[in-house]
């Protein structure tokens, strides 16, 4: 999974120049774990990592360049924009 998160982070960074590498990685970890948890809650069990990767890549292509804007409008994710917590 570590390698997949790294690849997804790089894909997001290629699509969005407005977020840092640390924030991109945080988003990829969040999306990955959220997808797994949602699938389990829905009764589908843990999805195949290749499926998760494909879905997240689709989200990156569709919304990656606007991800920082979404977070800025959604109070649930505003802490992800706090660059003072950036460790890169």
PDB file of N, CA and C in Angstrom:
ATOM      1  N   UNK A   1       0.823  -1.184   0.000  1.00  0.00           N
ATOM      2  CA  UNK A   1       0.000   0.000   0.000  1.00  0.00           C
ATOM      3  C   UNK A   1       0.875   1.260   0.000  1.00  0.00           C
ATOM      4  N   UNK A   2       1.995   1.211   0.672  1.00  0.00           N
ATOM      5  CA  UNK A   2       2.891   2.376   0.754  1.00  0.00           C
ATOM      6  C   UNK A   2       3.301   2.851  -0.643  1.00  0.00           C
ATOM      7  N   UNK A   3       3.637   1.914  -1.504  1.00  0.00           N
ATOM      8  CA  UNK A   3       4.048   2.273  -2.870  1.00  0.00           C
ATOM      9  C   UNK A   3       2.883   2.895  -3.639  1.00  0.00           C
ATOM     10  N   UNK A   4       1.696   2.362  -3.448  1.00  0.00           N
ATOM     11  CA  UNK A   4       0.514   2.898  -4.139  1.00  0.00           C
ATOM     12  C   UNK A   4       0.200   4.308  -3.667  1.00  0.00           C
ATOM     13  N   UNK A   5       0.291   4.539  -2.353  1.00  0.00           N
ATOM     14  CA  UNK A   5       0.051   5.886  -1.820  1.00  0.00           C
ATOM     15  C   UNK A   5       1.068   6.863  -2.407  1.00  0.00           C
ATOM     16  N   UNK A   6       2.309   6.424  -2.505  1.00  0.00           N
ATOM     17  CA  UNK A   6       3.360   7.270  -3.077  1.00  0.00           C
ATOM     18  C   UNK A   6       3.044   7.609  -4.538  1.00  0.00           C
ATOM     19  N   UNK A   7       2.637   6.625  -5.321  1.00  0.00           N
ATOM     20  CA  UNK A   7       2.287   6.855  -6.723  1.00  0.00           C
ATOM     21  C   UNK A   7       1.084   7.800  -6.850  1.00  0.00           C
ATOM     22  N   UNK A   8       0.079   7.594  -6.009  1.00  0.00           N
ATOM     23  CA  UNK A   8      -1.104   8.456  -6.045  1.00  0.00           C
ATOM     24  C   UNK A   8      -0.750   9.886  -5.636  1.00  0.00           C
ATOM     25  N   UNK A   9       0.130  10.013  -4.659  1.00  0.00           N
ATOM     26  CA  UNK A   9       0.581  11.340  -4.233  1.00  0.00           C
ATOM     27  C   UNK A   9       1.251  12.055  -5.394  1.00  0.00           C
ATOM     28  N   UNK A  10       2.111  11.360  -6.103  1.00  0.00           N
ATOM     29  CA  UNK A  10       2.787  11.959  -7.252  1.00  0.00           C
ATOM     30  C   UNK A  10       1.801  12.325  -8.356  1.00  0.00           C
ATOM     31  N   UNK A  11       0.782  11.503  -8.556  1.00  0.00           N
ATOM     32  CA  UNK A  11      -0.245  11.804  -9.559  1.00  0.00           C
ATOM     33  C   UNK A  11      -1.011  13.068  -9.173  1.00  0.00           C
ATOM     34  N   UNK A  12      -1.322  13.210  -7.889  1.00  0.00           N
ATOM     35  CA  UNK A  12      -2.023  14.412  -7.437  1.00  0.00           C
ATOM     36  C   UNK A  12      -1.138  15.641  -7.575  1.00  0.00           C
ATOM     37  N   UNK A  13       0.121  15.524  -7.216  1.00  0.00           N
ATOM     38  CA  UNK A  13       1.033  16.660  -7.337  1.00  0.00           C
ATOM     39  C   UNK A  13       1.205  17.082  -8.798  1.00  0.00           C
ATOM     40  N   UNK A  14       1.166  16.136  -9.719  1.00  0.00           N
ATOM     41  CA  UNK A  14       1.267  16.457 -11.135  1.00  0.00           C
ATOM     42  C   UNK A  14       0.025  17.209 -11.624  1.00  0.00           C
ATOM     43  N   UNK A  15      -1.097  16.969 -10.981  1.00  0.00           N
ATOM     44  CA  UNK A  15      -2.368  17.589 -11.369  1.00  0.00           C
ATOM     45  C   UNK A  15      -2.620  18.903 -10.639  1.00  0.00           C
ATOM     46  N   UNK A  16      -2.061  19.061  -9.430  1.00  0.00           N
ATOM     47  CA  UNK A  16      -2.370  20.222  -8.590  1.00  0.00           C
ATOM     48  C   UNK A  16      -1.082  20.830  -8.055  1.00  0.00           C
ATOM     49  N   UNK A  17      -0.765  22.017  -8.516  1.00  0.00           N
ATOM     50  CA  UNK A  17       0.440  22.727  -8.069  1.00  0.00           C
ATOM     51  C   UNK A  17       0.202  23.588  -6.834  1.00  0.00           C
ATOM     52  N   UNK A  18      -1.040  23.595  -6.330  1.00  0.00           N
ATOM     53  CA  UNK A  18      -1.391  24.480  -5.225  1.00  0.00           C
ATOM     54  C   UNK A  18      -1.323  23.820  -3.851  1.00  0.00           C
ATOM     55  N   UNK A  19      -0.925  22.550  -3.784  1.00  0.00           N
ATOM     56  CA  UNK A  19      -0.790  21.899  -2.487  1.00  0.00           C
ATOM     57  C   UNK A  19       0.614  21.330  -2.349  1.00  0.00           C
ATOM     58  N   UNK A  20       1.039  21.191  -1.122  1.00  0.00           N
ATOM     59  CA  UNK A  20       2.375  20.666  -0.848  1.00  0.00           C
ATOM     60  C   UNK A  20       2.378  19.142  -0.961  1.00  0.00           C
ATOM     61  N   UNK A  21       3.558  18.586  -1.011  1.00  0.00           N
ATOM     62  CA  UNK A  21       3.696  17.130  -1.073  1.00  0.00           C
ATOM     63  C   UNK A  21       3.103  16.475   0.176  1.00  0.00           C
ATOM     64  N   UNK A  22       3.309  17.078   1.319  1.00  0.00           N
ATOM     65  CA  UNK A  22       2.767  16.508   2.562  1.00  0.00           C
ATOM     66  C   UNK A  22       1.244  16.525   2.556  1.00  0.00           C
ATOM     67  N   UNK A  23       0.655  17.604   2.073  1.00  0.00           N
ATOM     68  CA  UNK A  23      -0.811  17.671   2.010  1.00  0.00           C
ATOM     69  C   UNK A  23      -1.356  16.701   0.972  1.00  0.00           C
ATOM     70  N   UNK A  24      -0.656  16.558  -0.144  1.00  0.00           N
ATOM     71  CA  UNK A  24      -1.089  15.600  -1.161  1.00  0.00           C
ATOM     72  C   UNK A  24      -1.077  14.187  -0.589  1.00  0.00           C
ATOM     73  N   UNK A  25      -0.030  13.866   0.143  1.00  0.00           N
ATOM     74  CA  UNK A  25       0.056  12.537   0.758  1.00  0.00           C
ATOM     75  C   UNK A  25      -1.058  12.344   1.789  1.00  0.00           C
ATOM     76  N   UNK A  26      -1.316  13.367   2.583  1.00  0.00           N
ATOM     77  CA  UNK A  26      -2.398  13.290   3.565  1.00  0.00           C
ATOM     78  C   UNK A  26      -3.722  13.006   2.882  1.00  0.00           C
ATOM     79  N   UNK A  27      -3.972  13.705   1.769  1.00  0.00           N
ATOM     80  CA  UNK A  27      -5.213  13.478   1.029  1.00  0.00           C
ATOM     81  C   UNK A  27      -5.295  12.056   0.492  1.00  0.00           C
ATOM     82  N   UNK A  28      -4.200  11.537  -0.024  1.00  0.00           N
ATOM     83  CA  UNK A  28      -4.223  10.183  -0.577  1.00  0.00           C
ATOM     84  C   UNK A  28      -4.466   9.150   0.519  1.00  0.00           C
ATOM     85  N   UNK A  29      -3.843   9.338   1.671  1.00  0.00           N
ATOM     86  CA  UNK A  29      -4.081   8.425   2.794  1.00  0.00           C
ATOM     87  C   UNK A  29      -5.524   8.518   3.262  1.00  0.00           C
ATOM     88  N   UNK A  30      -6.064   9.729   3.328  1.00  0.00           N
ATOM     89  CA  UNK A  30      -7.444   9.935   3.747  1.00  0.00           C
ATOM     90  C   UNK A  30      -8.413   9.283   2.764  1.00  0.00           C
ATOM     91  N   UNK A  31      -8.220   9.521   1.475  1.00  0.00           N
ATOM     92  CA  UNK A  31      -9.117   8.942   0.480  1.00  0.00           C
ATOM     93  C   UNK A  31      -9.041   7.417   0.482  1.00  0.00           C
ATOM     94  N   UNK A  32      -7.841   6.886   0.607  1.00  0.00           N
ATOM     95  CA  UNK A  32      -7.662   5.430   0.619  1.00  0.00           C
ATOM     96  C   UNK A  32      -8.403   4.809   1.805  1.00  0.00           C
ATOM     97  N   UNK A  33      -8.136   5.327   2.993  1.00  0.00           N
ATOM     98  CA  UNK A  33      -8.757   4.739   4.190  1.00  0.00           C
ATOM     99  C   UNK A  33     -10.264   4.966   4.208  1.00  0.00           C
ATOM    100  N   UNK A  34     -10.715   6.111   3.716  1.00  0.00           N
ATOM    101  CA  UNK A  34     -12.143   6.390   3.674  1.00  0.00           C
ATOM    102  C   UNK A  34     -12.852   5.441   2.709  1.00  0.00           C
ATOM    103  N   UNK A  35     -12.223   5.171   1.573  1.00  0.00           N
ATOM    104  CA  UNK A  35     -12.817   4.245   0.614  1.00  0.00           C
ATOM    105  C   UNK A  35     -12.920   2.843   1.220  1.00  0.00           C
ATOM    106  N   UNK A  36     -11.866   2.400   1.895  1.00  0.00           N
ATOM    107  CA  UNK A  36     -11.898   1.089   2.549  1.00  0.00           C
ATOM    108  C   UNK A  36     -13.002   1.020   3.601  1.00  0.00           C
ATOM    109  N   UNK A  37     -13.077   2.044   4.429  1.00  0.00           N
ATOM    110  CA  UNK A  37     -14.074   2.059   5.501  1.00  0.00           C
ATOM    111  C   UNK A  37     -15.497   2.124   4.948  1.00  0.00           C
ATOM    112  N   UNK A  38     -15.704   2.931   3.929  1.00  0.00           N
ATOM    113  CA  UNK A  38     -17.040   3.042   3.330  1.00  0.00           C
ATOM    114  C   UNK A  38     -17.473   1.726   2.706  1.00  0.00           C
ATOM    115  N   UNK A  39     -16.561   1.060   2.066  1.00  0.00           N
ATOM    116  CA  UNK A  39     -16.858  -0.234   1.452  1.00  0.00           C
ATOM    117  C   UNK A  39     -17.232  -1.256   2.526  1.00  0.00           C
ATOM    118  N   UNK A  40     -16.494  -1.272   3.606  1.00  0.00           N
ATOM    119  CA  UNK A  40     -16.778  -2.201   4.697  1.00  0.00           C
ATOM    120  C   UNK A  40     -18.127  -1.893   5.345  1.00  0.00           C
ATOM    121  N   UNK A  41     -18.402  -0.609   5.580  1.00  0.00           N
ATOM    122  CA  UNK A  41     -19.684  -0.214   6.177  1.00  0.00           C
ATOM    123  C   UNK A  41     -20.861  -0.599   5.289  1.00  0.00           C
ATOM    124  N   UNK A  42     -20.639  -0.556   3.985  1.00  0.00           N
ATOM    125  CA  UNK A  42     -21.705  -0.891   3.038  1.00  0.00           C
ATOM    126  C   UNK A  42     -21.896  -2.400   2.910  1.00  0.00           C
ATOM    127  N   UNK A  43     -21.036  -3.175   3.577  1.00  0.00           N
ATOM    128  CA  UNK A  43     -21.172  -4.615   3.568  1.00  0.00           C
ATOM    129  C   UNK A  43     -20.434  -5.315   2.441  1.00  0.00           C
ATOM    130  N   UNK A  44     -19.559  -4.592   1.750  1.00  0.00           N
ATOM    131  CA  UNK A  44     -18.825  -5.182   0.634  1.00  0.00           C
ATOM    132  C   UNK A  44     -17.479  -5.770   1.049  1.00  0.00           C
ATOM    133  N   UNK A  45     -17.083  -5.571   2.282  1.00  0.00           N
ATOM    134  CA  UNK A  45     -15.780  -6.052   2.730  1.00  0.00           C
ATOM    135  C   UNK A  45     -14.679  -5.129   2.244  1.00  0.00           C
ATOM    136  N   UNK A  46     -13.446  -5.564   2.469  1.00  0.00           N
ATOM    137  CA  UNK A  46     -12.300  -4.756   2.073  1.00  0.00           C
ATOM    138  C   UNK A  46     -12.063  -4.897   0.573  1.00  0.00           C
ATOM    139  N   UNK A  47     -12.063  -3.780  -0.156  1.00  0.00           N
ATOM    140  CA  UNK A  47     -11.875  -3.870  -1.607  1.00  0.00           C
ATOM    141  C   UNK A  47     -10.436  -4.175  -1.984  1.00  0.00           C
ATOM    142  N   UNK A  48     -10.263  -4.694  -3.167  1.00  0.00           N
ATOM    143  CA  UNK A  48      -8.942  -4.986  -3.710  1.00  0.00           C
ATOM    144  C   UNK A  48      -8.172  -3.673  -3.858  1.00  0.00           C
ATOM    145  N   UNK A  49      -6.898  -3.631  -3.467  1.00  0.00           N
ATOM    146  CA  UNK A  49      -6.103  -2.403  -3.597  1.00  0.00           C
ATOM    147  C   UNK A  49      -6.072  -1.843  -5.023  1.00  0.00           C
ATOM    148  N   UNK A  50      -6.114  -2.700  -6.018  1.00  0.00           N
ATOM    149  CA  UNK A  50      -6.119  -2.224  -7.408  1.00  0.00           C
ATOM    150  C   UNK A  50      -7.394  -1.442  -7.714  1.00  0.00           C
ATOM    151  N   UNK A  51      -8.499  -1.845  -7.122  1.00  0.00           N
ATOM    152  CA  UNK A  51      -9.770  -1.131  -7.309  1.00  0.00           C
ATOM    153  C   UNK A  51      -9.688   0.237  -6.650  1.00  0.00           C
ATOM    154  N   UNK A  52      -9.168   0.267  -5.429  1.00  0.00           N
ATOM    155  CA  UNK A  52      -9.039   1.541  -4.723  1.00  0.00           C
ATOM    156  C   UNK A  52      -8.144   2.486  -5.519  1.00  0.00           C
ATOM    157  N   UNK A  53      -7.030   1.976  -5.991  1.00  0.00           N
ATOM    158  CA  UNK A  53      -6.104   2.805  -6.763  1.00  0.00           C
ATOM    159  C   UNK A  53      -6.777   3.364  -8.016  1.00  0.00           C
ATOM    160  N   UNK A  54      -7.502   2.529  -8.728  1.00  0.00           N
ATOM    161  CA  UNK A  54      -8.174   2.975  -9.950  1.00  0.00           C
ATOM    162  C   UNK A  54      -9.200   4.067  -9.663  1.00  0.00           C
ATOM    163  N   UNK A  55      -9.983   3.893  -8.605  1.00  0.00           N
ATOM    164  CA  UNK A  55     -11.003   4.887  -8.249  1.00  0.00           C
ATOM    165  C   UNK A  55     -10.347   6.209  -7.863  1.00  0.00           C
ATOM    166  N   UNK A  56      -9.319   6.154  -7.035  1.00  0.00           N
ATOM    167  CA  UNK A  56      -8.651   7.384  -6.608  1.00  0.00           C
ATOM    168  C   UNK A  56      -7.988   8.074  -7.795  1.00  0.00           C
ATOM    169  N   UNK A  57      -7.410   7.323  -8.711  1.00  0.00           N
ATOM    170  CA  UNK A  57      -6.832   7.939  -9.913  1.00  0.00           C
ATOM    171  C   UNK A  57      -7.914   8.651 -10.735  1.00  0.00           C
ATOM    172  N   UNK A  58      -9.098   8.072 -10.797  1.00  0.00           N
ATOM    173  CA  UNK A  58     -10.209   8.723 -11.489  1.00  0.00           C
ATOM    174  C   UNK A  58     -10.590  10.026 -10.783  1.00  0.00           C
ATOM    175  N   UNK A  59     -10.616  10.003  -9.454  1.00  0.00           N
ATOM    176  CA  UNK A  59     -10.929  11.212  -8.699  1.00  0.00           C
ATOM    177  C   UNK A  59      -9.860  12.277  -8.920  1.00  0.00           C
ATOM    178  N   UNK A  60      -8.602  11.861  -8.951  1.00  0.00           N
ATOM    179  CA  UNK A  60      -7.510  12.813  -9.185  1.00  0.00           C
ATOM    180  C   UNK A  60      -7.676  13.463 -10.555  1.00  0.00           C
ATOM    181  N   UNK A  61      -7.958  12.658 -11.569  1.00  0.00           N
ATOM    182  CA  UNK A  61      -8.130  13.210 -12.912  1.00  0.00           C
ATOM    183  C   UNK A  61      -9.315  14.174 -12.976  1.00  0.00           C
ATOM    184  N   UNK A  62     -10.380  13.841 -12.286  1.00  0.00           N
ATOM    185  CA  UNK A  62     -11.589  14.666 -12.331  1.00  0.00           C
ATOM    186  C   UNK A  62     -11.511  15.892 -11.418  1.00  0.00           C
ATOM    187  N   UNK A  63     -10.941  15.746 -10.238  1.00  0.00           N
ATOM    188  CA  UNK A  63     -11.031  16.797  -9.222  1.00  0.00           C
ATOM    189  C   UNK A  63      -9.698  17.227  -8.628  1.00  0.00           C
ATOM    190  N   UNK A  64      -8.599  16.604  -9.024  1.00  0.00           N
ATOM    191  CA  UNK A  64      -7.310  16.853  -8.390  1.00  0.00           C
ATOM    192  C   UNK A  64      -6.854  18.291  -8.398  1.00  0.00           C
ATOM    193  N   UNK A  65      -7.110  19.003  -9.487  1.00  0.00           N
ATOM    194  CA  UNK A  65      -6.660  20.385  -9.565  1.00  0.00           C
ATOM    195  C   UNK A  65      -7.506  21.331  -8.715  1.00  0.00           C
ATOM    196  N   UNK A  66      -8.626  20.841  -8.177  1.00  0.00           N
ATOM    197  CA  UNK A  66      -9.511  21.665  -7.349  1.00  0.00           C
ATOM    198  C   UNK A  66      -9.597  21.179  -5.908  1.00  0.00           C
ATOM    199  N   UNK A  67      -8.794  20.216  -5.548  1.00  0.00           N
ATOM    200  CA  UNK A  67      -8.898  19.612  -4.222  1.00  0.00           C
ATOM    201  C   UNK A  67      -8.712  20.634  -3.112  1.00  0.00           C
ATOM    202  N   UNK A  68      -7.755  21.530  -3.263  1.00  0.00           N
ATOM    203  CA  UNK A  68      -7.509  22.539  -2.233  1.00  0.00           C
ATOM    204  C   UNK A  68      -8.705  23.479  -2.080  1.00  0.00           C
ATOM    205  N   UNK A  69      -9.454  23.719  -3.152  1.00  0.00           N
ATOM    206  CA  UNK A  69     -10.634  24.574  -3.083  1.00  0.00           C
ATOM    207  C   UNK A  69     -11.759  23.892  -2.313  1.00  0.00           C
ATOM    208  N   UNK A  70     -11.919  22.599  -2.526  1.00  0.00           N
ATOM    209  CA  UNK A  70     -12.935  21.850  -1.791  1.00  0.00           C
ATOM    210  C   UNK A  70     -12.655  21.903  -0.297  1.00  0.00           C
ATOM    211  N   UNK A  71     -11.427  21.645   0.064  1.00  0.00           N
ATOM    212  CA  UNK A  71     -11.062  21.632   1.480  1.00  0.00           C
ATOM    213  C   UNK A  71     -11.281  22.996   2.108  1.00  0.00           C
ATOM    214  N   UNK A  72     -11.026  24.048   1.358  1.00  0.00           N
ATOM    215  CA  UNK A  72     -11.196  25.402   1.879  1.00  0.00           C
ATOM    216  C   UNK A  72     -12.636  25.761   2.155  1.00  0.00           C
ATOM    217  N   UNK A  73     -13.564  25.101   1.482  1.00  0.00           N
ATOM    218  CA  UNK A  73     -14.983  25.376   1.684  1.00  0.00           C
ATOM    219  C   UNK A  73     -15.647  24.410   2.648  1.00  0.00           C
ATOM    220  N   UNK A  74     -14.955  23.354   3.023  1.00  0.00           N
ATOM    221  CA  UNK A  74     -15.543  22.338   3.877  1.00  0.00           C
ATOM    222  C   UNK A  74     -14.854  22.348   5.241  1.00  0.00           C
ATOM    223  N   UNK A  75     -15.564  22.792   6.279  1.00  0.00           N
ATOM    224  CA  UNK A  75     -14.944  22.887   7.610  1.00  0.00           C
ATOM    225  C   UNK A  75     -14.387  21.568   8.137  1.00  0.00           C
ATOM    226  N   UNK A  76     -14.938  20.450   7.676  1.00  0.00           N
ATOM    227  CA  UNK A  76     -14.462  19.147   8.133  1.00  0.00           C
ATOM    228  C   UNK A  76     -13.014  18.906   7.708  1.00  0.00           C
ATOM    229  N   UNK A  77     -12.578  19.524   6.603  1.00  0.00           N
ATOM    230  CA  UNK A  77     -11.248  19.284   6.062  1.00  0.00           C
ATOM    231  C   UNK A  77     -10.326  20.495   6.135  1.00  0.00           C
ATOM    232  N   UNK A  78     -10.755  21.580   6.746  1.00  0.00           N
ATOM    233  CA  UNK A  78      -9.969  22.814   6.754  1.00  0.00           C
ATOM    234  C   UNK A  78      -8.597  22.613   7.396  1.00  0.00           C
ATOM    235  N   UNK A  79      -8.508  21.727   8.384  1.00  0.00           N
ATOM    236  CA  UNK A  79      -7.216  21.488   9.048  1.00  0.00           C
ATOM    237  C   UNK A  79      -6.177  20.933   8.085  1.00  0.00           C
ATOM    238  N   UNK A  80      -6.617  20.347   6.981  1.00  0.00           N
ATOM    239  CA  UNK A  80      -5.672  19.817   5.997  1.00  0.00           C
ATOM    240  C   UNK A  80      -4.933  20.923   5.258  1.00  0.00           C
ATOM    241  N   UNK A  81      -5.440  22.137   5.327  1.00  0.00           N
ATOM    242  CA  UNK A  81      -4.813  23.262   4.647  1.00  0.00           C
ATOM    243  C   UNK A  81      -3.834  24.005   5.525  1.00  0.00           C
ATOM    244  N   UNK A  82      -3.812  23.682   6.796  1.00  0.00           N
ATOM    245  CA  UNK A  82      -2.928  24.382   7.737  1.00  0.00           C
ATOM    246  C   UNK A  82      -1.483  24.013   7.457  1.00  0.00           C
ATOM    247  N   UNK A  83      -0.786  24.862   6.701  1.00  0.00           N
ATOM    248  CA  UNK A  83       0.586  24.573   6.290  1.00  0.00           C
ATOM    249  C   UNK A  83       1.557  24.586   7.474  1.00  0.00           C
ATOM    250  N   UNK A  84       1.156  25.140   8.615  1.00  0.00           N
ATOM    251  CA  UNK A  84       2.056  25.141   9.777  1.00  0.00           C
ATOM    252  C   UNK A  84       2.306  23.723  10.269  1.00  0.00           C
ATOM    253  N   UNK A  85       1.390  22.803   9.923  1.00  0.00           N
ATOM    254  CA  UNK A  85       1.554  21.411  10.306  1.00  0.00           C
ATOM    255  C   UNK A  85       2.306  20.620   9.262  1.00  0.00           C
ATOM    256  N   UNK A  86       2.695  21.260   8.179  1.00  0.00           N
ATOM    257  CA  UNK A  86       3.388  20.559   7.083  1.00  0.00           C
ATOM    258  C   UNK A  86       4.749  20.102   7.551  1.00  0.00           C
ATOM    259  N   UNK A  87       5.089  18.857   7.283  1.00  0.00           N
ATOM    260  CA  UNK A  87       6.350  18.328   7.730  1.00  0.00           C
ATOM    261  C   UNK A  87       7.269  17.991   6.574  1.00  0.00           C
ATOM    262  N   UNK A  88       7.046  18.584   5.428  1.00  0.00           N
ATOM    263  CA  UNK A  88       7.945  18.318   4.296  1.00  0.00           C
ATOM    264  C   UNK A  88       8.921  19.465   4.108  1.00  0.00           C
TER     265      UNK A  88
END
